[in-house]
Amino acid sequence: MPSERVTEAIRRIVAARAQNYCEYCRCSGEFATESFTVEHIKPRQAGGESTLENLAWSCFGCNSHKHTKTDSTDPMTGQQEPLFNPRQQSWNEHFSWSSDFTEVIGKTPCGRATVEALRLNRPGVVNLRRLLFMAGLHPPENNEPTTP
């Protein structure tokens, strides 16, 4: 298992690339109740490295639910699917917002599996989105992080 730690410089790059939004649930770090973290898309336990191509900006909730998962079951088909990879896939291709912008909807097998596995619609996150929407601060203007 690689032991290299993410440096503060890399952490700043990953956060800036994501525009300080969780790359999974798209919640803003500005309004988070807990710190965001650099998440290894391919877990270190599975040989994932601390390189920009393998790192995502993640809220504590998404990071906790993802943990070492790389795939999960699509609730529609029952098939195992890889989880969303923000370095290789487009958020808008795999997800959309509900009509009231409070829930993330999986549009593809990968998207649906990711919504379920990471619990992207946790009650606290849905409530926060509702309040931020009412304040004109949600959804993010750009759902896509910048490229590395």
N, C-alpha and C. Protein backbone atom coordinates (compact mmCIF):
# COMPACT_ATOMS: atom_id res chain seq x y z
N MET A 1 0.86 -1.19 0.00
CA MET A 1 0.00 0.00 0.00
C MET A 1 0.89 1.23 0.00
N PRO A 2 0.72 2.14 -0.96
CA PRO A 2 1.52 3.36 -0.99
C PRO A 2 1.26 4.18 0.27
N SER A 3 2.31 4.80 0.81
CA SER A 3 2.16 5.55 2.04
C SER A 3 2.31 7.05 1.85
N GLU A 4 2.55 7.49 0.62
CA GLU A 4 2.78 8.92 0.43
C GLU A 4 1.55 9.72 0.82
N ARG A 5 1.79 10.81 1.49
CA ARG A 5 0.72 11.70 1.94
C ARG A 5 0.51 12.80 0.91
N VAL A 6 -0.68 13.34 0.92
CA VAL A 6 -1.00 14.45 0.04
C VAL A 6 -0.43 15.72 0.67
N THR A 7 0.37 16.44 -0.07
CA THR A 7 0.97 17.66 0.45
C THR A 7 -0.07 18.79 0.48
N GLU A 8 0.23 19.81 1.23
CA GLU A 8 -0.67 20.97 1.29
C GLU A 8 -0.79 21.63 -0.08
N ALA A 9 0.29 21.65 -0.84
CA ALA A 9 0.25 22.24 -2.19
C ALA A 9 -0.70 21.46 -3.09
N ILE A 10 -0.63 20.14 -3.04
CA ILE A 10 -1.54 19.30 -3.84
C ILE A 10 -2.97 19.51 -3.37
N ARG A 11 -3.18 19.57 -2.07
CA ARG A 11 -4.52 19.80 -1.51
C ARG A 11 -5.12 21.09 -2.06
N ARG A 12 -4.33 22.15 -2.12
CA ARG A 12 -4.82 23.44 -2.64
C ARG A 12 -5.17 23.32 -4.13
N ILE A 13 -4.38 22.60 -4.88
CA ILE A 13 -4.64 22.41 -6.31
C ILE A 13 -5.96 21.64 -6.51
N VAL A 14 -6.15 20.57 -5.74
CA VAL A 14 -7.35 19.74 -5.87
C VAL A 14 -8.59 20.56 -5.50
N ALA A 15 -8.51 21.34 -4.43
CA ALA A 15 -9.65 22.18 -4.01
C ALA A 15 -9.95 23.25 -5.06
N ALA A 16 -8.92 23.88 -5.59
CA ALA A 16 -9.13 24.93 -6.61
C ALA A 16 -9.71 24.33 -7.88
N ARG A 17 -9.22 23.18 -8.28
CA ARG A 17 -9.71 22.52 -9.49
C ARG A 17 -11.21 22.23 -9.36
N ALA A 18 -11.65 21.86 -8.17
CA ALA A 18 -13.06 21.54 -7.91
C ALA A 18 -13.87 22.79 -7.57
N GLN A 19 -13.23 23.93 -7.56
CA GLN A 19 -13.89 25.20 -7.22
C GLN A 19 -14.52 25.12 -5.83
N ASN A 20 -13.89 24.34 -4.95
CA ASN A 20 -14.29 24.13 -3.56
C ASN A 20 -15.68 23.49 -3.43
N TYR A 21 -16.07 22.70 -4.43
CA TYR A 21 -17.31 21.91 -4.37
C TYR A 21 -16.94 20.44 -4.30
N CYS A 22 -17.70 19.67 -3.53
CA CYS A 22 -17.50 18.23 -3.53
C CYS A 22 -17.71 17.72 -4.95
N GLU A 23 -16.79 16.94 -5.43
CA GLU A 23 -16.87 16.47 -6.81
C GLU A 23 -17.89 15.35 -7.00
N TYR A 24 -18.50 14.91 -5.92
CA TYR A 24 -19.54 13.89 -5.99
C TYR A 24 -20.92 14.51 -5.78
N CYS A 25 -21.19 15.07 -4.60
CA CYS A 25 -22.53 15.59 -4.30
C CYS A 25 -22.70 17.06 -4.68
N ARG A 26 -21.62 17.74 -5.06
CA ARG A 26 -21.60 19.14 -5.52
C ARG A 26 -21.99 20.13 -4.43
N CYS A 27 -21.82 19.76 -3.16
CA CYS A 27 -22.03 20.71 -2.07
C CYS A 27 -20.82 21.63 -1.97
N SER A 28 -21.07 22.83 -1.55
CA SER A 28 -20.02 23.84 -1.44
C SER A 28 -19.25 23.70 -0.13
N GLY A 29 -17.95 23.76 -0.21
CA GLY A 29 -17.12 23.76 0.98
C GLY A 29 -17.33 24.99 1.83
N GLU A 30 -17.81 26.04 1.21
CA GLU A 30 -18.07 27.29 1.93
C GLU A 30 -19.15 27.12 3.00
N PHE A 31 -20.09 26.21 2.79
CA PHE A 31 -21.21 26.03 3.71
C PHE A 31 -21.18 24.69 4.43
N ALA A 32 -20.11 23.95 4.29
CA ALA A 32 -20.01 22.63 4.91
C ALA A 32 -19.81 22.77 6.42
N THR A 33 -20.37 21.83 7.15
CA THR A 33 -20.20 21.82 8.60
C THR A 33 -18.92 21.10 9.01
N GLU A 34 -18.33 20.35 8.09
CA GLU A 34 -17.08 19.64 8.36
C GLU A 34 -16.10 19.90 7.23
N SER A 35 -14.84 19.70 7.52
CA SER A 35 -13.79 19.93 6.53
C SER A 35 -13.95 19.03 5.32
N PHE A 36 -13.53 19.54 4.18
CA PHE A 36 -13.45 18.72 2.98
C PHE A 36 -12.09 18.03 2.99
N THR A 37 -11.96 17.02 2.17
CA THR A 37 -10.73 16.24 2.15
C THR A 37 -10.36 15.88 0.72
N VAL A 38 -9.11 15.54 0.55
CA VAL A 38 -8.66 14.99 -0.72
C VAL A 38 -8.93 13.50 -0.68
N GLU A 39 -9.68 13.03 -1.64
CA GLU A 39 -10.13 11.64 -1.69
C GLU A 39 -9.39 10.91 -2.81
N HIS A 40 -8.93 9.71 -2.52
CA HIS A 40 -8.29 8.89 -3.54
C HIS A 40 -9.37 8.14 -4.31
N ILE A 41 -9.51 8.43 -5.59
CA ILE A 41 -10.53 7.79 -6.43
C ILE A 41 -10.29 6.28 -6.44
N LYS A 42 -9.08 5.87 -6.77
CA LYS A 42 -8.67 4.48 -6.58
C LYS A 42 -7.99 4.47 -5.21
N PRO A 43 -8.59 3.79 -4.24
CA PRO A 43 -8.07 3.84 -2.88
C PRO A 43 -6.60 3.43 -2.78
N ARG A 44 -5.91 4.03 -1.82
CA ARG A 44 -4.52 3.66 -1.59
C ARG A 44 -4.38 2.18 -1.26
N GLN A 45 -5.37 1.62 -0.55
CA GLN A 45 -5.34 0.20 -0.20
C GLN A 45 -5.36 -0.68 -1.44
N ALA A 46 -5.87 -0.14 -2.55
CA ALA A 46 -5.93 -0.89 -3.80
C ALA A 46 -4.80 -0.47 -4.75
N GLY A 47 -3.81 0.25 -4.22
CA GLY A 47 -2.67 0.66 -5.03
C GLY A 47 -2.80 2.03 -5.65
N GLY A 48 -3.86 2.78 -5.29
CA GLY A 48 -4.04 4.13 -5.81
C GLY A 48 -2.96 5.07 -5.30
N GLU A 49 -2.52 5.93 -6.16
CA GLU A 49 -1.44 6.85 -5.80
C GLU A 49 -1.97 8.24 -5.51
N SER A 50 -1.15 9.03 -4.85
CA SER A 50 -1.50 10.41 -4.51
C SER A 50 -1.07 11.34 -5.64
N THR A 51 -1.60 11.08 -6.83
CA THR A 51 -1.32 11.91 -8.00
C THR A 51 -2.58 12.70 -8.34
N LEU A 52 -2.42 13.82 -9.01
CA LEU A 52 -3.57 14.65 -9.36
C LEU A 52 -4.63 13.88 -10.13
N GLU A 53 -4.23 12.92 -10.95
CA GLU A 53 -5.17 12.13 -11.75
C GLU A 53 -6.00 11.18 -10.90
N ASN A 54 -5.60 10.94 -9.65
CA ASN A 54 -6.31 10.00 -8.78
C ASN A 54 -6.92 10.69 -7.56
N LEU A 55 -6.96 12.00 -7.56
CA LEU A 55 -7.46 12.72 -6.40
C LEU A 55 -8.69 13.54 -6.73
N ALA A 56 -9.63 13.54 -5.79
CA ALA A 56 -10.86 14.33 -5.93
C ALA A 56 -11.08 15.11 -4.63
N TRP A 57 -11.77 16.23 -4.73
CA TRP A 57 -12.16 17.04 -3.58
C TRP A 57 -13.50 16.50 -3.10
N SER A 58 -13.58 16.14 -1.84
CA SER A 58 -14.76 15.45 -1.35
C SER A 58 -15.18 15.97 0.02
N CYS A 59 -16.50 16.08 0.20
CA CYS A 59 -17.02 16.40 1.53
C CYS A 59 -16.82 15.17 2.42
N PHE A 60 -16.89 15.40 3.71
CA PHE A 60 -16.69 14.31 4.67
C PHE A 60 -17.70 13.19 4.46
N GLY A 61 -18.97 13.54 4.19
CA GLY A 61 -20.01 12.52 4.01
C GLY A 61 -19.74 11.62 2.83
N CYS A 62 -19.46 12.21 1.68
CA CYS A 62 -19.18 11.39 0.48
C CYS A 62 -17.93 10.55 0.68
N ASN A 63 -16.90 11.15 1.26
CA ASN A 63 -15.66 10.42 1.49
C ASN A 63 -15.89 9.24 2.45
N SER A 64 -16.67 9.45 3.48
CA SER A 64 -16.95 8.39 4.45
C SER A 64 -17.73 7.24 3.83
N HIS A 65 -18.71 7.58 2.99
CA HIS A 65 -19.51 6.52 2.37
C HIS A 65 -18.76 5.81 1.26
N LYS A 66 -17.88 6.52 0.57
CA LYS A 66 -17.10 5.87 -0.49
C LYS A 66 -16.04 4.98 0.11
N HIS A 67 -15.32 5.50 1.10
CA HIS A 67 -14.26 4.78 1.79
C HIS A 67 -13.34 4.10 0.78
N THR A 68 -13.39 2.78 0.66
CA THR A 68 -12.52 2.07 -0.29
C THR A 68 -13.30 1.49 -1.46
N LYS A 69 -14.57 1.90 -1.61
CA LYS A 69 -15.38 1.36 -2.71
C LYS A 69 -14.89 1.91 -4.06
N THR A 70 -14.97 1.07 -5.06
CA THR A 70 -14.71 1.49 -6.44
C THR A 70 -15.89 1.14 -7.34
N ASP A 71 -16.79 0.32 -6.82
CA ASP A 71 -17.99 -0.02 -7.57
C ASP A 71 -19.13 -0.30 -6.60
N SER A 72 -20.35 -0.35 -7.14
CA SER A 72 -21.53 -0.60 -6.33
C SER A 72 -22.65 -1.07 -7.25
N THR A 73 -23.77 -1.44 -6.67
CA THR A 73 -24.89 -1.97 -7.44
C THR A 73 -25.79 -0.84 -7.95
N ASP A 74 -26.11 -0.90 -9.23
CA ASP A 74 -27.10 -0.01 -9.82
C ASP A 74 -28.46 -0.48 -9.33
N PRO A 75 -29.20 0.36 -8.58
CA PRO A 75 -30.48 -0.09 -8.04
C PRO A 75 -31.53 -0.41 -9.11
N MET A 76 -31.35 0.10 -10.31
CA MET A 76 -32.32 -0.15 -11.38
C MET A 76 -32.09 -1.51 -12.05
N THR A 77 -30.83 -1.86 -12.26
CA THR A 77 -30.53 -3.10 -12.99
C THR A 77 -30.05 -4.24 -12.10
N GLY A 78 -29.57 -3.90 -10.89
CA GLY A 78 -29.00 -4.91 -10.01
C GLY A 78 -27.59 -5.31 -10.38
N GLN A 79 -27.02 -4.67 -11.38
CA GLN A 79 -25.67 -4.98 -11.85
C GLN A 79 -24.62 -4.15 -11.10
N GLN A 80 -23.44 -4.74 -10.92
CA GLN A 80 -22.32 -4.00 -10.34
C GLN A 80 -21.81 -3.00 -11.38
N GLU A 81 -21.57 -1.78 -10.94
CA GLU A 81 -21.10 -0.71 -11.82
C GLU A 81 -19.96 0.03 -11.15
N PRO A 82 -19.02 0.53 -11.95
CA PRO A 82 -17.97 1.36 -11.35
C PRO A 82 -18.57 2.67 -10.84
N LEU A 83 -18.00 3.17 -9.75
CA LEU A 83 -18.44 4.46 -9.24
C LEU A 83 -17.93 5.58 -10.14
N PHE A 84 -18.60 6.71 -10.07
CA PHE A 84 -18.24 7.90 -10.84
C PHE A 84 -16.79 8.30 -10.55
N ASN A 85 -16.05 8.59 -11.62
CA ASN A 85 -14.67 9.03 -11.52
C ASN A 85 -14.60 10.47 -12.03
N PRO A 86 -14.47 11.45 -11.12
CA PRO A 86 -14.47 12.85 -11.55
C PRO A 86 -13.28 13.25 -12.41
N ARG A 87 -12.24 12.45 -12.49
CA ARG A 87 -11.11 12.77 -13.35
C ARG A 87 -11.32 12.27 -14.78
N GLN A 88 -12.19 11.29 -14.94
CA GLN A 88 -12.36 10.69 -16.26
C GLN A 88 -13.76 10.84 -16.83
N GLN A 89 -14.72 11.27 -16.01
CA GLN A 89 -16.11 11.33 -16.47
C GLN A 89 -16.71 12.70 -16.20
N SER A 90 -17.75 13.02 -16.95
CA SER A 90 -18.46 14.29 -16.80
C SER A 90 -19.62 14.13 -15.82
N TRP A 91 -19.67 15.02 -14.80
CA TRP A 91 -20.76 14.98 -13.82
C TRP A 91 -22.10 15.09 -14.53
N ASN A 92 -22.21 16.02 -15.47
CA ASN A 92 -23.49 16.25 -16.16
C ASN A 92 -23.93 15.07 -17.02
N GLU A 93 -23.02 14.23 -17.41
CA GLU A 93 -23.39 13.04 -18.18
C GLU A 93 -24.04 11.98 -17.29
N HIS A 94 -23.61 11.92 -16.04
CA HIS A 94 -24.06 10.85 -15.15
C HIS A 94 -25.10 11.28 -14.12
N PHE A 95 -25.25 12.61 -13.93
CA PHE A 95 -26.15 13.11 -12.89
C PHE A 95 -26.92 14.32 -13.38
N SER A 96 -28.05 14.56 -12.74
CA SER A 96 -28.81 15.80 -12.94
C SER A 96 -29.43 16.15 -11.59
N TRP A 97 -30.09 17.29 -11.56
CA TRP A 97 -30.76 17.73 -10.34
C TRP A 97 -32.25 17.43 -10.42
N SER A 98 -32.86 17.15 -9.29
CA SER A 98 -34.32 17.02 -9.23
C SER A 98 -34.93 18.38 -9.57
N SER A 99 -36.22 18.42 -9.82
CA SER A 99 -36.87 19.67 -10.25
C SER A 99 -36.73 20.79 -9.22
N ASP A 100 -36.59 20.45 -7.95
CA ASP A 100 -36.41 21.49 -6.93
C ASP A 100 -34.95 21.67 -6.53
N PHE A 101 -34.04 21.03 -7.25
CA PHE A 101 -32.60 21.15 -7.08
C PHE A 101 -32.10 20.67 -5.72
N THR A 102 -32.85 19.81 -5.05
CA THR A 102 -32.40 19.33 -3.74
C THR A 102 -31.78 17.94 -3.80
N GLU A 103 -32.08 17.17 -4.85
CA GLU A 103 -31.55 15.81 -4.93
C GLU A 103 -30.76 15.60 -6.21
N VAL A 104 -29.72 14.79 -6.09
CA VAL A 104 -28.94 14.37 -7.25
C VAL A 104 -29.62 13.13 -7.81
N ILE A 105 -29.87 13.14 -9.12
CA ILE A 105 -30.50 12.03 -9.81
C ILE A 105 -29.44 11.34 -10.67
N GLY A 106 -29.29 10.04 -10.50
CA GLY A 106 -28.39 9.28 -11.36
C GLY A 106 -29.04 9.03 -12.70
N LYS A 107 -28.36 9.41 -13.78
CA LYS A 107 -28.91 9.26 -15.13
C LYS A 107 -28.41 8.00 -15.83
N THR A 108 -27.34 7.44 -15.34
CA THR A 108 -26.71 6.27 -15.96
C THR A 108 -26.52 5.20 -14.89
N PRO A 109 -26.20 3.97 -15.28
CA PRO A 109 -25.91 2.96 -14.26
C PRO A 109 -24.82 3.41 -13.27
N CYS A 110 -23.76 4.01 -13.80
CA CYS A 110 -22.69 4.53 -12.95
C CYS A 110 -23.23 5.61 -12.01
N GLY A 111 -24.02 6.53 -12.54
CA GLY A 111 -24.59 7.60 -11.72
C GLY A 111 -25.50 7.06 -10.63
N ARG A 112 -26.38 6.14 -10.99
CA ARG A 112 -27.30 5.58 -9.98
C ARG A 112 -26.55 4.82 -8.90
N ALA A 113 -25.55 4.03 -9.29
CA ALA A 113 -24.75 3.29 -8.32
C ALA A 113 -24.02 4.25 -7.38
N THR A 114 -23.52 5.35 -7.93
CA THR A 114 -22.80 6.33 -7.12
C THR A 114 -23.73 7.06 -6.16
N VAL A 115 -24.92 7.44 -6.64
CA VAL A 115 -25.90 8.10 -5.76
C VAL A 115 -26.19 7.22 -4.56
N GLU A 116 -26.40 5.92 -4.80
CA GLU A 116 -26.72 5.01 -3.71
C GLU A 116 -25.53 4.76 -2.80
N ALA A 117 -24.38 4.44 -3.38
CA ALA A 117 -23.20 4.06 -2.58
C ALA A 117 -22.70 5.20 -1.71
N LEU A 118 -22.68 6.41 -2.26
CA LEU A 118 -22.15 7.55 -1.52
C LEU A 118 -23.24 8.31 -0.77
N ARG A 119 -24.49 7.83 -0.94
CA ARG A 119 -25.65 8.47 -0.28
C ARG A 119 -25.64 9.97 -0.58
N LEU A 120 -25.62 10.30 -1.86
CA LEU A 120 -25.53 11.70 -2.28
C LEU A 120 -26.73 12.53 -1.85
N ASN A 121 -27.82 11.89 -1.47
CA ASN A 121 -29.02 12.61 -1.04
C ASN A 121 -29.28 12.39 0.46
N ARG A 122 -28.23 12.46 1.25
CA ARG A 122 -28.36 12.36 2.70
C ARG A 122 -29.27 13.49 3.18
N PRO A 123 -30.11 13.24 4.19
CA PRO A 123 -31.07 14.27 4.63
C PRO A 123 -30.45 15.63 4.93
N GLY A 124 -29.32 15.66 5.60
CA GLY A 124 -28.69 16.94 5.91
C GLY A 124 -28.24 17.69 4.67
N VAL A 125 -27.75 16.96 3.67
CA VAL A 125 -27.30 17.57 2.42
C VAL A 125 -28.50 18.10 1.64
N VAL A 126 -29.58 17.34 1.61
CA VAL A 126 -30.80 17.78 0.92
C VAL A 126 -31.34 19.05 1.59
N ASN A 127 -31.37 19.08 2.91
CA ASN A 127 -31.83 20.28 3.63
C ASN A 127 -30.94 21.48 3.34
N LEU A 128 -29.63 21.26 3.31
CA LEU A 128 -28.71 22.35 3.00
C LEU A 128 -28.94 22.87 1.59
N ARG A 129 -29.10 21.97 0.64
CA ARG A 129 -29.37 22.39 -0.75
C ARG A 129 -30.65 23.21 -0.83
N ARG A 130 -31.68 22.80 -0.10
CA ARG A 130 -32.95 23.53 -0.10
C ARG A 130 -32.74 24.97 0.39
N LEU A 131 -32.03 25.13 1.48
CA LEU A 131 -31.78 26.47 2.03
C LEU A 131 -30.91 27.30 1.08
N LEU A 132 -29.87 26.67 0.54
CA LEU A 132 -29.00 27.40 -0.38
C LEU A 132 -29.73 27.79 -1.66
N PHE A 133 -30.62 26.93 -2.13
CA PHE A 133 -31.42 27.26 -3.32
C PHE A 133 -32.29 28.48 -3.03
N MET A 134 -32.92 28.50 -1.86
CA MET A 134 -33.78 29.63 -1.48
C MET A 134 -32.98 30.92 -1.38
N ALA A 135 -31.70 30.81 -1.04
CA ALA A 135 -30.82 31.98 -0.94
C ALA A 135 -30.15 32.32 -2.26
N GLY A 136 -30.45 31.54 -3.32
CA GLY A 136 -29.85 31.78 -4.63
C GLY A 136 -28.41 31.32 -4.73
N LEU A 137 -28.00 30.39 -3.87
CA LEU A 137 -26.61 29.93 -3.84
C LEU A 137 -26.44 28.48 -4.28
N HIS A 138 -27.49 27.90 -4.83
CA HIS A 138 -27.45 26.51 -5.30
C HIS A 138 -28.44 26.38 -6.45
N PRO A 139 -28.17 25.59 -7.45
CA PRO A 139 -27.02 24.70 -7.64
C PRO A 139 -25.81 25.49 -8.12
N PRO A 140 -24.64 24.83 -8.10
CA PRO A 140 -23.45 25.51 -8.61
C PRO A 140 -23.67 25.93 -10.06
N GLU A 141 -23.17 27.09 -10.42
CA GLU A 141 -23.31 27.55 -11.81
C GLU A 141 -22.66 26.58 -12.78
N ASN A 142 -21.54 26.02 -12.36
CA ASN A 142 -20.82 25.09 -13.21
C ASN A 142 -20.69 23.78 -12.46
N ASN A 143 -21.35 22.73 -12.94
CA ASN A 143 -21.27 21.43 -12.27
C ASN A 143 -19.99 20.68 -12.58
N GLU A 144 -19.19 21.20 -13.46
CA GLU A 144 -17.97 20.50 -13.86
C GLU A 144 -16.74 21.16 -13.26
N PRO A 145 -15.93 20.39 -12.53
CA PRO A 145 -14.66 20.95 -12.07
C PRO A 145 -13.75 21.23 -13.26
N THR A 146 -12.78 22.07 -13.05
CA THR A 146 -11.83 22.36 -14.13
C THR A 146 -10.90 21.17 -14.30
N THR A 147 -10.28 21.07 -15.43
CA THR A 147 -9.36 19.95 -15.69
C THR A 147 -8.04 20.19 -14.97
N PRO A 148 -7.35 19.10 -14.62
CA PRO A 148 -6.09 19.26 -13.88
C PRO A 148 -5.03 19.98 -14.67
